[in-house]
Amino acid sequence: MASEQQRSFRDLLRSLRVWDGELPTFDPATAPDDPLPLFQQWLREAAEAGTPEPHTMTLATAGADCRPSLRTLMLHDADGRGWHFGTHRTSRKGRELAERPDAALGFYWPTVARQVRVLGRVTAAGPEESAADLHRRSPGALAAALVGRQSEVLDSYEELERASAASWDRVRREPEAPVPSWTLYVLEPDEVEFFQGDPQRRHIRLRYRREGDGWVRELLWP
């Protein structure tokens, strides 16, 4: 039975289609000198193409033990300072960033067969900017932040339900409620790679690599 299930699973994987529709073109010779405008353009085009939640990304961190960990979260902004995201500094990713501030971000937009990887050093914003970041978000985000205890062991789902209900009640009473552990992080990139998929597997990979005060652009073999 187990071998049949395994064969069925493999057959499923091999039957899945990749990039069936018409894909956009990308000429790396027209890419800007700085990766930020191209990233903003690609995210906008992914949204216009119907990619669900194009601002979601994978964050990779590693703590003092050098063991990597991944999670999916939302991009809050991307500007001249870097790529912005938020979390509790007491969470696993917050603790790992305190131990080793280097991190990587990954974006994947299947509707346009595009990926972006961002690598660099992460810094934590101050309390005022972190609070402003949180309170610009939805009431649900604030309620979740007020629950806190992210990454801790949960004894029962009922305990979470009680804590969440109390947080929602506080948000309704106090829409500017403070969450001292909430921290805005900014990843300042030293490498950004853009990947455009091709049905013939002639994928385009354009890497921006920081050199001094500017960027070096180079193509990579797929």
N, C-alpha and C. Protein backbone atom coordinates (compact mmCIF):
# COMPACT_ATOMS: atom_id res chain seq x y z
N MET A 1 0.83 -1.21 0.00
CA MET A 1 0.00 0.00 0.00
C MET A 1 0.86 1.26 0.00
N ALA A 2 1.92 1.25 0.82
CA ALA A 2 2.76 2.43 0.90
C ALA A 2 3.42 2.72 -0.44
N SER A 3 3.89 1.66 -1.14
CA SER A 3 4.55 1.89 -2.42
C SER A 3 3.55 2.41 -3.45
N GLU A 4 2.31 1.95 -3.41
CA GLU A 4 1.29 2.45 -4.32
C GLU A 4 1.00 3.93 -4.07
N GLN A 5 0.92 4.28 -2.81
CA GLN A 5 0.71 5.68 -2.46
C GLN A 5 1.88 6.54 -2.94
N GLN A 6 3.10 6.02 -2.80
CA GLN A 6 4.27 6.76 -3.23
C GLN A 6 4.26 6.95 -4.74
N ARG A 7 3.91 5.89 -5.48
CA ARG A 7 3.84 6.00 -6.94
C ARG A 7 2.77 7.00 -7.35
N SER A 8 1.63 6.96 -6.66
CA SER A 8 0.55 7.90 -6.96
C SER A 8 1.00 9.34 -6.71
N PHE A 9 1.74 9.53 -5.65
CA PHE A 9 2.24 10.88 -5.33
C PHE A 9 3.22 11.35 -6.41
N ARG A 10 4.12 10.47 -6.83
CA ARG A 10 5.08 10.84 -7.87
C ARG A 10 4.36 11.14 -9.18
N ASP A 11 3.33 10.34 -9.50
CA ASP A 11 2.57 10.60 -10.72
C ASP A 11 1.90 11.96 -10.66
N LEU A 12 1.39 12.30 -9.48
CA LEU A 12 0.78 13.62 -9.31
C LEU A 12 1.79 14.72 -9.58
N LEU A 13 2.98 14.61 -9.00
CA LEU A 13 4.01 15.63 -9.20
C LEU A 13 4.36 15.78 -10.67
N ARG A 14 4.46 14.66 -11.39
CA ARG A 14 4.85 14.72 -12.80
C ARG A 14 3.73 15.24 -13.69
N SER A 15 2.50 15.18 -13.21
CA SER A 15 1.37 15.64 -14.03
C SER A 15 1.10 17.13 -13.89
N LEU A 16 1.68 17.76 -12.89
CA LEU A 16 1.40 19.17 -12.64
C LEU A 16 2.04 20.03 -13.71
N ARG A 17 1.26 20.95 -14.25
CA ARG A 17 1.73 21.81 -15.31
C ARG A 17 2.41 23.05 -14.74
N VAL A 18 3.40 23.54 -15.46
CA VAL A 18 4.14 24.73 -15.04
C VAL A 18 4.11 25.74 -16.17
N TRP A 19 3.69 26.96 -15.86
CA TRP A 19 3.75 28.08 -16.81
C TRP A 19 3.04 27.73 -18.13
N ASP A 20 1.76 27.37 -18.02
CA ASP A 20 0.97 27.00 -19.19
C ASP A 20 0.61 28.19 -20.08
N GLY A 21 0.40 29.34 -19.45
CA GLY A 21 -0.07 30.50 -20.19
C GLY A 21 1.05 31.27 -20.87
N GLU A 22 0.65 32.34 -21.52
CA GLU A 22 1.64 33.22 -22.16
C GLU A 22 2.41 33.98 -21.10
N LEU A 23 3.71 34.03 -21.25
CA LEU A 23 4.56 34.66 -20.25
C LEU A 23 5.08 36.00 -20.74
N PRO A 24 5.35 36.92 -19.83
CA PRO A 24 5.92 38.21 -20.24
C PRO A 24 7.36 38.05 -20.70
N THR A 25 7.80 39.01 -21.46
CA THR A 25 9.20 39.01 -21.89
C THR A 25 9.99 39.93 -20.97
N PHE A 26 11.29 39.71 -20.95
CA PHE A 26 12.18 40.54 -20.14
C PHE A 26 13.50 40.68 -20.86
N ASP A 27 13.86 41.90 -21.16
CA ASP A 27 15.15 42.19 -21.78
C ASP A 27 16.06 42.78 -20.72
N PRO A 28 17.04 42.01 -20.22
CA PRO A 28 17.91 42.53 -19.15
C PRO A 28 18.71 43.75 -19.56
N ALA A 29 18.87 43.97 -20.86
CA ALA A 29 19.62 45.14 -21.31
C ALA A 29 18.90 46.43 -20.99
N THR A 30 17.58 46.36 -20.77
CA THR A 30 16.79 47.54 -20.45
C THR A 30 16.62 47.74 -18.94
N ALA A 31 17.21 46.87 -18.14
CA ALA A 31 17.03 46.95 -16.69
C ALA A 31 17.68 48.22 -16.14
N PRO A 32 17.09 48.81 -15.11
CA PRO A 32 17.66 50.03 -14.52
C PRO A 32 18.97 49.74 -13.79
N ASP A 33 19.67 50.81 -13.44
CA ASP A 33 20.95 50.67 -12.75
C ASP A 33 20.77 50.16 -11.32
N ASP A 34 19.61 50.42 -10.73
CA ASP A 34 19.32 50.07 -9.34
C ASP A 34 18.23 49.00 -9.34
N PRO A 35 18.30 47.99 -8.47
CA PRO A 35 17.30 46.92 -8.49
C PRO A 35 15.93 47.33 -7.96
N LEU A 36 15.83 48.37 -7.15
CA LEU A 36 14.56 48.72 -6.53
C LEU A 36 13.47 49.04 -7.55
N PRO A 37 13.70 49.92 -8.55
CA PRO A 37 12.62 50.20 -9.50
C PRO A 37 12.14 48.96 -10.25
N LEU A 38 13.06 48.05 -10.57
CA LEU A 38 12.66 46.83 -11.28
C LEU A 38 11.82 45.94 -10.37
N PHE A 39 12.21 45.85 -9.10
CA PHE A 39 11.41 45.06 -8.16
C PHE A 39 10.00 45.63 -8.04
N GLN A 40 9.90 46.93 -7.86
CA GLN A 40 8.58 47.55 -7.73
C GLN A 40 7.74 47.33 -8.98
N GLN A 41 8.37 47.41 -10.15
CA GLN A 41 7.66 47.17 -11.40
C GLN A 41 7.17 45.72 -11.48
N TRP A 42 8.04 44.78 -11.14
CA TRP A 42 7.67 43.36 -11.22
C TRP A 42 6.56 43.02 -10.25
N LEU A 43 6.60 43.56 -9.03
CA LEU A 43 5.53 43.27 -8.08
C LEU A 43 4.21 43.83 -8.59
N ARG A 44 4.24 45.05 -9.13
CA ARG A 44 3.03 45.66 -9.68
C ARG A 44 2.48 44.82 -10.84
N GLU A 45 3.36 44.35 -11.71
CA GLU A 45 2.92 43.55 -12.85
C GLU A 45 2.39 42.19 -12.40
N ALA A 46 2.96 41.62 -11.35
CA ALA A 46 2.44 40.37 -10.80
C ALA A 46 1.04 40.56 -10.25
N ALA A 47 0.82 41.68 -9.55
CA ALA A 47 -0.51 41.98 -9.03
C ALA A 47 -1.51 42.17 -10.17
N GLU A 48 -1.11 42.89 -11.20
CA GLU A 48 -2.01 43.14 -12.33
C GLU A 48 -2.31 41.86 -13.10
N ALA A 49 -1.41 40.88 -13.06
CA ALA A 49 -1.62 39.60 -13.73
C ALA A 49 -2.47 38.65 -12.91
N GLY A 50 -2.87 39.07 -11.72
CA GLY A 50 -3.75 38.25 -10.89
C GLY A 50 -3.06 37.34 -9.91
N THR A 51 -1.77 37.54 -9.66
CA THR A 51 -1.08 36.72 -8.67
C THR A 51 -1.66 37.00 -7.28
N PRO A 52 -2.16 35.97 -6.59
CA PRO A 52 -2.70 36.21 -5.24
C PRO A 52 -1.59 36.64 -4.28
N GLU A 53 -1.88 37.65 -3.49
CA GLU A 53 -0.97 38.10 -2.45
C GLU A 53 0.47 38.23 -2.94
N PRO A 54 0.72 39.05 -3.95
CA PRO A 54 2.08 39.15 -4.49
C PRO A 54 3.08 39.74 -3.52
N HIS A 55 2.60 40.34 -2.41
CA HIS A 55 3.51 40.91 -1.42
C HIS A 55 3.93 39.89 -0.37
N THR A 56 3.51 38.64 -0.51
CA THR A 56 4.02 37.61 0.40
C THR A 56 5.42 37.20 -0.03
N MET A 57 6.22 36.81 0.95
CA MET A 57 7.62 36.47 0.66
C MET A 57 8.09 35.45 1.68
N THR A 58 9.15 34.76 1.33
CA THR A 58 9.80 33.83 2.25
C THR A 58 11.00 34.52 2.85
N LEU A 59 11.10 34.45 4.16
CA LEU A 59 12.24 35.02 4.89
C LEU A 59 13.08 33.88 5.44
N ALA A 60 14.37 33.90 5.11
CA ALA A 60 15.30 32.90 5.62
C ALA A 60 16.26 33.56 6.61
N THR A 61 16.36 32.96 7.79
CA THR A 61 17.29 33.44 8.82
C THR A 61 18.04 32.25 9.39
N ALA A 62 19.07 32.55 10.17
CA ALA A 62 19.81 31.51 10.88
C ALA A 62 20.32 32.12 12.18
N GLY A 63 20.25 31.34 13.24
CA GLY A 63 20.71 31.81 14.53
C GLY A 63 22.18 31.49 14.76
N ALA A 64 22.58 31.55 16.00
CA ALA A 64 23.98 31.31 16.35
C ALA A 64 24.42 29.90 16.01
N ASP A 65 23.45 28.94 15.95
CA ASP A 65 23.80 27.56 15.62
C ASP A 65 23.91 27.33 14.11
N CYS A 66 23.67 28.38 13.31
CA CYS A 66 23.79 28.34 11.84
C CYS A 66 22.75 27.46 11.17
N ARG A 67 21.75 26.98 11.90
CA ARG A 67 20.69 26.19 11.28
C ARG A 67 19.68 27.15 10.64
N PRO A 68 19.41 27.01 9.34
CA PRO A 68 18.48 27.93 8.68
C PRO A 68 17.04 27.62 9.02
N SER A 69 16.20 28.65 8.96
CA SER A 69 14.76 28.46 9.12
C SER A 69 14.04 29.40 8.16
N LEU A 70 12.87 28.97 7.71
CA LEU A 70 12.08 29.70 6.73
C LEU A 70 10.69 29.96 7.26
N ARG A 71 10.09 31.05 6.78
CA ARG A 71 8.68 31.31 7.03
C ARG A 71 8.18 32.29 5.98
N THR A 72 6.86 32.34 5.80
CA THR A 72 6.25 33.25 4.84
C THR A 72 5.60 34.39 5.59
N LEU A 73 5.84 35.60 5.14
CA LEU A 73 5.27 36.78 5.77
C LEU A 73 5.07 37.87 4.72
N MET A 74 4.57 39.01 5.13
CA MET A 74 4.22 40.08 4.21
C MET A 74 5.30 41.14 4.12
N LEU A 75 5.51 41.64 2.91
CA LEU A 75 6.37 42.79 2.69
C LEU A 75 5.60 44.04 3.08
N HIS A 76 6.21 44.90 3.90
CA HIS A 76 5.55 46.13 4.33
C HIS A 76 5.92 47.33 3.48
N ASP A 77 7.12 47.30 2.90
CA ASP A 77 7.55 48.40 2.04
C ASP A 77 8.86 48.00 1.39
N ALA A 78 9.22 48.71 0.33
CA ALA A 78 10.53 48.58 -0.28
C ALA A 78 10.90 49.96 -0.79
N ASP A 79 11.98 50.51 -0.24
CA ASP A 79 12.38 51.87 -0.60
C ASP A 79 13.89 51.96 -0.63
N GLY A 80 14.41 53.17 -0.61
CA GLY A 80 15.84 53.37 -0.68
C GLY A 80 16.60 52.78 0.50
N ARG A 81 15.94 52.56 1.61
CA ARG A 81 16.59 51.95 2.77
C ARG A 81 16.70 50.44 2.63
N GLY A 82 15.70 49.83 1.98
CA GLY A 82 15.70 48.39 1.85
C GLY A 82 14.29 47.82 1.83
N TRP A 83 14.20 46.53 2.11
CA TRP A 83 12.93 45.79 2.12
C TRP A 83 12.45 45.68 3.58
N HIS A 84 11.21 46.10 3.85
CA HIS A 84 10.70 46.22 5.21
C HIS A 84 9.75 45.06 5.56
N PHE A 85 9.86 44.56 6.77
CA PHE A 85 8.91 43.58 7.31
C PHE A 85 8.88 43.73 8.81
N GLY A 86 7.85 43.15 9.44
CA GLY A 86 7.72 43.31 10.88
C GLY A 86 7.46 41.99 11.58
N THR A 87 7.85 41.92 12.83
CA THR A 87 7.57 40.75 13.66
C THR A 87 7.89 41.10 15.11
N HIS A 88 7.56 40.21 16.01
CA HIS A 88 7.98 40.37 17.41
C HIS A 88 9.47 40.07 17.52
N ARG A 89 10.19 40.90 18.22
CA ARG A 89 11.62 40.62 18.38
C ARG A 89 11.84 39.40 19.27
N THR A 90 10.78 38.96 19.97
CA THR A 90 10.87 37.76 20.82
C THR A 90 10.54 36.48 20.06
N SER A 91 10.10 36.60 18.80
CA SER A 91 9.80 35.41 18.00
C SER A 91 11.09 34.72 17.60
N ARG A 92 10.96 33.55 16.98
CA ARG A 92 12.17 32.84 16.54
C ARG A 92 12.96 33.67 15.55
N LYS A 93 12.28 34.26 14.56
CA LYS A 93 13.02 35.05 13.57
C LYS A 93 13.63 36.29 14.21
N GLY A 94 12.92 36.89 15.18
CA GLY A 94 13.47 38.04 15.88
C GLY A 94 14.72 37.68 16.66
N ARG A 95 14.68 36.53 17.33
CA ARG A 95 15.85 36.10 18.10
C ARG A 95 17.01 35.76 17.18
N GLU A 96 16.70 35.11 16.05
CA GLU A 96 17.78 34.75 15.13
C GLU A 96 18.40 35.98 14.50
N LEU A 97 17.57 36.97 14.17
CA LEU A 97 18.12 38.19 13.60
C LEU A 97 18.99 38.94 14.60
N ALA A 98 18.67 38.83 15.89
CA ALA A 98 19.52 39.45 16.90
C ALA A 98 20.87 38.75 16.98
N GLU A 99 20.89 37.43 16.73
CA GLU A 99 22.13 36.66 16.80
C GLU A 99 22.95 36.77 15.51
N ARG A 100 22.25 36.73 14.37
CA ARG A 100 22.91 36.81 13.07
C ARG A 100 22.04 37.69 12.17
N PRO A 101 22.41 38.93 11.95
CA PRO A 101 21.52 39.86 11.24
C PRO A 101 21.50 39.72 9.72
N ASP A 102 22.17 38.72 9.16
CA ASP A 102 22.08 38.49 7.71
C ASP A 102 20.85 37.64 7.41
N ALA A 103 20.15 37.95 6.31
CA ALA A 103 18.94 37.23 5.95
C ALA A 103 18.74 37.26 4.45
N ALA A 104 17.77 36.46 3.99
CA ALA A 104 17.42 36.42 2.57
C ALA A 104 15.90 36.42 2.44
N LEU A 105 15.42 37.07 1.37
CA LEU A 105 14.01 37.10 1.04
C LEU A 105 13.81 36.44 -0.31
N GLY A 106 12.67 35.76 -0.47
CA GLY A 106 12.34 35.15 -1.75
C GLY A 106 10.91 35.45 -2.14
N PHE A 107 10.71 35.92 -3.36
CA PHE A 107 9.38 36.18 -3.91
C PHE A 107 9.18 35.26 -5.11
N TYR A 108 7.98 34.69 -5.25
CA TYR A 108 7.66 33.86 -6.41
C TYR A 108 6.27 34.22 -6.89
N TRP A 109 6.19 34.59 -8.19
CA TRP A 109 4.93 34.99 -8.81
C TRP A 109 4.66 34.06 -9.99
N PRO A 110 3.95 32.93 -9.77
CA PRO A 110 3.79 31.91 -10.81
C PRO A 110 3.03 32.38 -12.04
N THR A 111 2.12 33.34 -11.89
CA THR A 111 1.34 33.78 -13.05
C THR A 111 2.22 34.44 -14.10
N VAL A 112 3.35 34.97 -13.71
CA VAL A 112 4.27 35.60 -14.66
C VAL A 112 5.62 34.89 -14.70
N ALA A 113 5.73 33.75 -14.01
CA ALA A 113 6.96 32.93 -14.01
C ALA A 113 8.17 33.75 -13.58
N ARG A 114 7.99 34.51 -12.52
CA ARG A 114 9.09 35.36 -12.06
C ARG A 114 9.42 35.09 -10.59
N GLN A 115 10.69 35.22 -10.28
CA GLN A 115 11.17 35.12 -8.91
C GLN A 115 12.13 36.29 -8.65
N VAL A 116 12.19 36.68 -7.38
CA VAL A 116 13.19 37.66 -6.96
C VAL A 116 13.80 37.17 -5.65
N ARG A 117 15.12 37.19 -5.57
CA ARG A 117 15.83 36.88 -4.33
C ARG A 117 16.56 38.11 -3.86
N VAL A 118 16.48 38.38 -2.56
CA VAL A 118 17.13 39.56 -1.98
C VAL A 118 17.96 39.09 -0.79
N LEU A 119 19.23 39.42 -0.77
CA LEU A 119 20.13 39.04 0.32
C LEU A 119 20.77 40.29 0.90
N GLY A 120 20.93 40.31 2.23
CA GLY A 120 21.59 41.45 2.83
C GLY A 120 21.53 41.43 4.34
N ARG A 121 21.89 42.56 4.91
CA ARG A 121 21.96 42.72 6.36
C ARG A 121 20.69 43.40 6.85
N VAL A 122 20.19 42.92 7.98
CA VAL A 122 18.93 43.41 8.55
C VAL A 122 19.22 44.27 9.77
N THR A 123 18.54 45.41 9.86
CA THR A 123 18.61 46.25 11.04
C THR A 123 17.20 46.46 11.59
N ALA A 124 17.10 46.69 12.88
CA ALA A 124 15.83 46.92 13.54
C ALA A 124 15.56 48.42 13.66
N ALA A 125 14.35 48.82 13.31
CA ALA A 125 13.95 50.22 13.47
C ALA A 125 13.68 50.50 14.94
N GLY A 126 13.57 51.77 15.27
CA GLY A 126 13.30 52.17 16.65
C GLY A 126 11.85 51.96 17.05
N PRO A 127 11.54 52.16 18.34
CA PRO A 127 10.18 51.91 18.84
C PRO A 127 9.10 52.75 18.15
N GLU A 128 9.37 54.02 17.89
CA GLU A 128 8.34 54.86 17.29
C GLU A 128 8.02 54.41 15.86
N GLU A 129 9.05 54.16 15.07
CA GLU A 129 8.81 53.72 13.69
C GLU A 129 8.17 52.34 13.67
N SER A 130 8.56 51.47 14.59
CA SER A 130 7.96 50.14 14.66
C SER A 130 6.48 50.23 15.02
N ALA A 131 6.14 51.08 15.99
CA ALA A 131 4.73 51.25 16.37
C ALA A 131 3.92 51.82 15.22
N ALA A 132 4.48 52.79 14.51
CA ALA A 132 3.78 53.37 13.37
C ALA A 132 3.54 52.33 12.29
N ASP A 133 4.50 51.46 12.06
CA ASP A 133 4.34 50.39 11.08
C ASP A 133 3.18 49.48 11.45
N LEU A 134 3.11 49.07 12.69
CA LEU A 134 2.03 48.18 13.13
C LEU A 134 0.68 48.84 13.01
N HIS A 135 0.57 50.11 13.41
CA HIS A 135 -0.74 50.75 13.44
C HIS A 135 -1.19 51.25 12.07
N ARG A 136 -0.33 51.14 11.07
CA ARG A 136 -0.77 51.37 9.69
C ARG A 136 -1.47 50.14 9.12
N ARG A 137 -1.33 49.01 9.77
CA ARG A 137 -1.89 47.76 9.26
C ARG A 137 -3.32 47.58 9.73
N SER A 138 -3.89 46.43 9.45
CA SER A 138 -5.31 46.19 9.72
C SER A 138 -5.55 45.94 11.21
N PRO A 139 -6.81 46.08 11.67
CA PRO A 139 -7.12 45.73 13.06
C PRO A 139 -6.78 44.28 13.38
N GLY A 140 -6.94 43.39 12.38
CA GLY A 140 -6.59 42.00 12.62
C GLY A 140 -5.11 41.81 12.89
N ALA A 141 -4.27 42.59 12.20
CA ALA A 141 -2.83 42.50 12.44
C ALA A 141 -2.49 42.96 13.85
N LEU A 142 -3.16 44.03 14.29
CA LEU A 142 -2.92 44.52 15.65
C LEU A 142 -3.40 43.50 16.68
N ALA A 143 -4.57 42.90 16.44
CA ALA A 143 -5.09 41.89 17.37
C ALA A 143 -4.13 40.71 17.48
N ALA A 144 -3.61 40.27 16.35
CA ALA A 144 -2.67 39.15 16.37
C ALA A 144 -1.39 39.53 17.11
N ALA A 145 -0.93 40.76 16.89
CA ALA A 145 0.29 41.20 17.58
C ALA A 145 0.08 41.28 19.08
N LEU A 146 -1.11 41.70 19.49
CA LEU A 146 -1.40 41.80 20.92
C LEU A 146 -1.43 40.43 21.60
N VAL A 147 -1.80 39.40 20.85
CA VAL A 147 -1.77 38.05 21.43
C VAL A 147 -0.34 37.71 21.84
N GLY A 148 0.61 38.07 20.97
CA GLY A 148 2.01 37.85 21.30
C GLY A 148 2.37 36.37 21.43
N ARG A 149 3.44 36.10 22.16
CA ARG A 149 3.93 34.76 22.45
C ARG A 149 4.24 33.97 21.18
N GLN A 150 4.56 34.66 20.09
CA GLN A 150 4.83 33.99 18.82
C GLN A 150 5.98 33.01 18.95
N SER A 151 5.81 31.82 18.41
CA SER A 151 6.79 30.73 18.38
C SER A 151 6.88 29.96 19.69
N GLU A 152 6.14 30.38 20.73
CA GLU A 152 6.13 29.61 21.97
C GLU A 152 5.22 28.39 21.82
N VAL A 153 5.42 27.39 22.66
CA VAL A 153 4.57 26.19 22.65
C VAL A 153 3.18 26.55 23.14
N LEU A 154 2.15 26.11 22.40
CA LEU A 154 0.75 26.36 22.75
C LEU A 154 0.16 25.10 23.37
N ASP A 155 -0.37 25.21 24.59
CA ASP A 155 -0.90 24.03 25.28
C ASP A 155 -2.19 23.52 24.65
N SER A 156 -3.06 24.43 24.19
CA SER A 156 -4.32 24.00 23.57
C SER A 156 -4.83 25.12 22.67
N TYR A 157 -5.62 24.74 21.65
CA TYR A 157 -6.17 25.74 20.75
C TYR A 157 -7.15 26.64 21.48
N GLU A 158 -7.82 26.11 22.50
CA GLU A 158 -8.76 26.92 23.27
C GLU A 158 -8.06 28.10 23.95
N GLU A 159 -6.82 27.87 24.36
CA GLU A 159 -6.06 28.96 24.98
C GLU A 159 -5.83 30.09 23.98
N LEU A 160 -5.54 29.72 22.73
CA LEU A 160 -5.38 30.73 21.68
C LEU A 160 -6.70 31.46 21.42
N GLU A 161 -7.80 30.73 21.40
CA GLU A 161 -9.10 31.37 21.17
C GLU A 161 -9.41 32.40 22.24
N ARG A 162 -9.11 32.08 23.49
CA ARG A 162 -9.36 33.03 24.58
C ARG A 162 -8.47 34.26 24.45
N ALA A 163 -7.20 34.04 24.16
CA ALA A 163 -6.27 35.17 24.02
C ALA A 163 -6.64 36.05 22.83
N SER A 164 -7.05 35.43 21.74
CA SER A 164 -7.44 36.19 20.55
C SER A 164 -8.69 37.01 20.82
N ALA A 165 -9.68 36.42 21.49
CA ALA A 165 -10.90 37.15 21.79
C ALA A 165 -10.60 38.37 22.67
N ALA A 166 -9.71 38.20 23.64
CA ALA A 166 -9.35 39.32 24.50
C ALA A 166 -8.62 40.40 23.70
N SER A 167 -7.77 40.00 22.77
CA SER A 167 -7.05 40.97 21.95
C SER A 167 -8.00 41.74 21.04
N TRP A 168 -8.94 41.05 20.40
CA TRP A 168 -9.91 41.74 19.55
C TRP A 168 -10.73 42.74 20.36
N ASP A 169 -11.10 42.35 21.58
CA ASP A 169 -11.86 43.27 22.44
C ASP A 169 -11.02 44.50 22.76
N ARG A 170 -9.74 44.31 23.00
CA ARG A 170 -8.89 45.45 23.31
C ARG A 170 -8.71 46.36 22.08
N VAL A 171 -8.59 45.76 20.89
CA VAL A 171 -8.45 46.56 19.68
C VAL A 171 -9.67 47.45 19.48
N ARG A 172 -10.85 46.92 19.75
CA ARG A 172 -12.07 47.73 19.60
C ARG A 172 -12.10 48.88 20.61
N ARG A 173 -11.57 48.64 21.80
CA ARG A 173 -11.56 49.68 22.83
C ARG A 173 -10.38 50.63 22.69
N GLU A 174 -9.27 50.10 22.15
CA GLU A 174 -8.01 50.84 22.13
C GLU A 174 -7.30 50.60 20.80
N PRO A 175 -7.75 51.25 19.73
CA PRO A 175 -7.19 50.98 18.40
C PRO A 175 -5.72 51.34 18.25
N GLU A 176 -5.16 52.10 19.19
CA GLU A 176 -3.74 52.45 19.16
C GLU A 176 -2.97 51.73 20.26
N ALA A 177 -3.48 50.57 20.68
CA ALA A 177 -2.84 49.83 21.77
C ALA A 177 -1.37 49.54 21.44
N PRO A 178 -0.48 49.76 22.40
CA PRO A 178 0.95 49.51 22.13
C PRO A 178 1.30 48.03 22.21
N VAL A 179 2.26 47.63 21.41
CA VAL A 179 2.81 46.27 21.45
C VAL A 179 4.33 46.43 21.50
N PRO A 180 4.91 46.51 22.69
CA PRO A 180 6.34 46.85 22.82
C PRO A 180 7.28 45.92 22.08
N SER A 181 6.91 44.66 21.91
CA SER A 181 7.82 43.71 21.26
C SER A 181 7.78 43.79 19.74
N TRP A 182 6.76 44.48 19.20
CA TRP A 182 6.66 44.55 17.73
C TRP A 182 7.80 45.40 17.18
N THR A 183 8.46 44.86 16.17
CA THR A 183 9.65 45.54 15.62
C THR A 183 9.58 45.55 14.10
N LEU A 184 9.88 46.70 13.53
CA LEU A 184 10.04 46.82 12.09
C LEU A 184 11.50 46.54 11.75
N TYR A 185 11.70 45.64 10.79
CA TYR A 185 13.04 45.30 10.33
C TYR A 185 13.21 45.76 8.89
N VAL A 186 14.43 46.16 8.56
CA VAL A 186 14.75 46.62 7.20
C VAL A 186 15.97 45.84 6.71
N LEU A 187 15.78 45.13 5.60
CA LEU A 187 16.90 44.40 4.99
C LEU A 187 17.53 45.29 3.93
N GLU A 188 18.77 45.68 4.15
CA GLU A 188 19.51 46.47 3.18
C GLU A 188 20.25 45.51 2.25
N PRO A 189 19.88 45.48 0.98
CA PRO A 189 20.42 44.42 0.11
C PRO A 189 21.84 44.68 -0.35
N ASP A 190 22.60 43.59 -0.47
CA ASP A 190 23.88 43.66 -1.16
C ASP A 190 23.85 42.76 -2.40
N GLU A 191 22.73 42.03 -2.57
CA GLU A 191 22.55 41.21 -3.78
C GLU A 191 21.06 41.05 -4.04
N VAL A 192 20.63 41.27 -5.28
CA VAL A 192 19.24 41.09 -5.68
C VAL A 192 19.25 40.37 -7.03
N GLU A 193 18.55 39.24 -7.10
CA GLU A 193 18.51 38.48 -8.35
C GLU A 193 17.08 38.41 -8.88
N PHE A 194 16.94 38.67 -10.18
CA PHE A 194 15.66 38.61 -10.88
C PHE A 194 15.68 37.40 -11.83
N PHE A 195 14.62 36.59 -11.76
CA PHE A 195 14.51 35.37 -12.57
C PHE A 195 13.24 35.46 -13.40
N GLN A 196 13.39 35.37 -14.72
CA GLN A 196 12.25 35.31 -15.62
C GLN A 196 12.22 33.92 -16.26
N GLY A 197 11.14 33.17 -15.98
CA GLY A 197 11.03 31.84 -16.53
C GLY A 197 10.74 31.85 -18.02
N ASP A 198 11.12 30.76 -18.68
CA ASP A 198 10.92 30.61 -20.11
C ASP A 198 10.42 29.19 -20.39
N PRO A 199 9.37 29.02 -21.22
CA PRO A 199 8.84 27.67 -21.47
C PRO A 199 9.87 26.71 -22.05
N GLN A 200 10.87 27.23 -22.78
CA GLN A 200 11.92 26.40 -23.34
C GLN A 200 13.09 26.20 -22.37
N ARG A 201 12.89 26.65 -21.15
CA ARG A 201 13.90 26.54 -20.09
C ARG A 201 15.14 27.40 -20.35
N ARG A 202 14.97 28.42 -21.19
CA ARG A 202 16.05 29.39 -21.38
C ARG A 202 15.79 30.57 -20.44
N HIS A 203 15.80 30.26 -19.16
CA HIS A 203 15.45 31.26 -18.15
C HIS A 203 16.47 32.40 -18.12
N ILE A 204 15.99 33.57 -17.81
CA ILE A 204 16.85 34.73 -17.67
C ILE A 204 17.07 35.00 -16.19
N ARG A 205 18.34 35.08 -15.80
CA ARG A 205 18.70 35.42 -14.42
C ARG A 205 19.60 36.65 -14.45
N LEU A 206 19.12 37.71 -13.87
CA LEU A 206 19.88 38.96 -13.78
C LEU A 206 20.19 39.25 -12.33
N ARG A 207 21.46 39.33 -12.00
CA ARG A 207 21.87 39.58 -10.61
C ARG A 207 22.45 40.99 -10.49
N TYR A 208 21.97 41.69 -9.48
CA TYR A 208 22.57 42.96 -9.07
C TYR A 208 23.45 42.66 -7.86
N ARG A 209 24.70 43.09 -7.92
CA ARG A 209 25.62 42.87 -6.81
C ARG A 209 26.20 44.22 -6.42
N ARG A 210 26.06 44.55 -5.13
CA ARG A 210 26.54 45.85 -4.67
C ARG A 210 28.06 45.90 -4.71
N GLU A 211 28.55 47.00 -5.26
CA GLU A 211 29.99 47.22 -5.31
C GLU A 211 30.24 48.70 -5.03
N GLY A 212 30.81 49.00 -3.88
CA GLY A 212 30.99 50.39 -3.48
C GLY A 212 29.65 51.06 -3.27
N ASP A 213 29.45 52.20 -3.90
CA ASP A 213 28.19 52.93 -3.77
C ASP A 213 27.20 52.58 -4.88
N GLY A 214 27.56 51.66 -5.76
CA GLY A 214 26.68 51.34 -6.88
C GLY A 214 26.42 49.85 -6.99
N TRP A 215 25.93 49.46 -8.16
CA TRP A 215 25.56 48.07 -8.40
C TRP A 215 26.23 47.57 -9.68
N VAL A 216 26.65 46.33 -9.64
CA VAL A 216 27.13 45.63 -10.82
C VAL A 216 26.02 44.70 -11.29
N ARG A 217 25.71 44.73 -12.58
CA ARG A 217 24.69 43.84 -13.14
C ARG A 217 25.38 42.74 -13.93
N GLU A 218 24.92 41.50 -13.73
CA GLU A 218 25.52 40.38 -14.44
C GLU A 218 24.48 39.29 -14.67
N LEU A 219 24.55 38.66 -15.84
CA LEU A 219 23.68 37.54 -16.16
C LEU A 219 24.26 36.26 -15.58
N LEU A 220 23.39 35.33 -15.18
CA LEU A 220 23.80 34.04 -14.64
C LEU A 220 23.23 32.92 -15.51
N TRP A 221 23.96 31.83 -15.61
CA TRP A 221 23.41 30.66 -16.28
C TRP A 221 22.21 30.14 -15.49
N PRO A 222 21.16 29.72 -16.18
CA PRO A 222 19.99 29.21 -15.44
C PRO A 222 20.25 27.83 -14.85
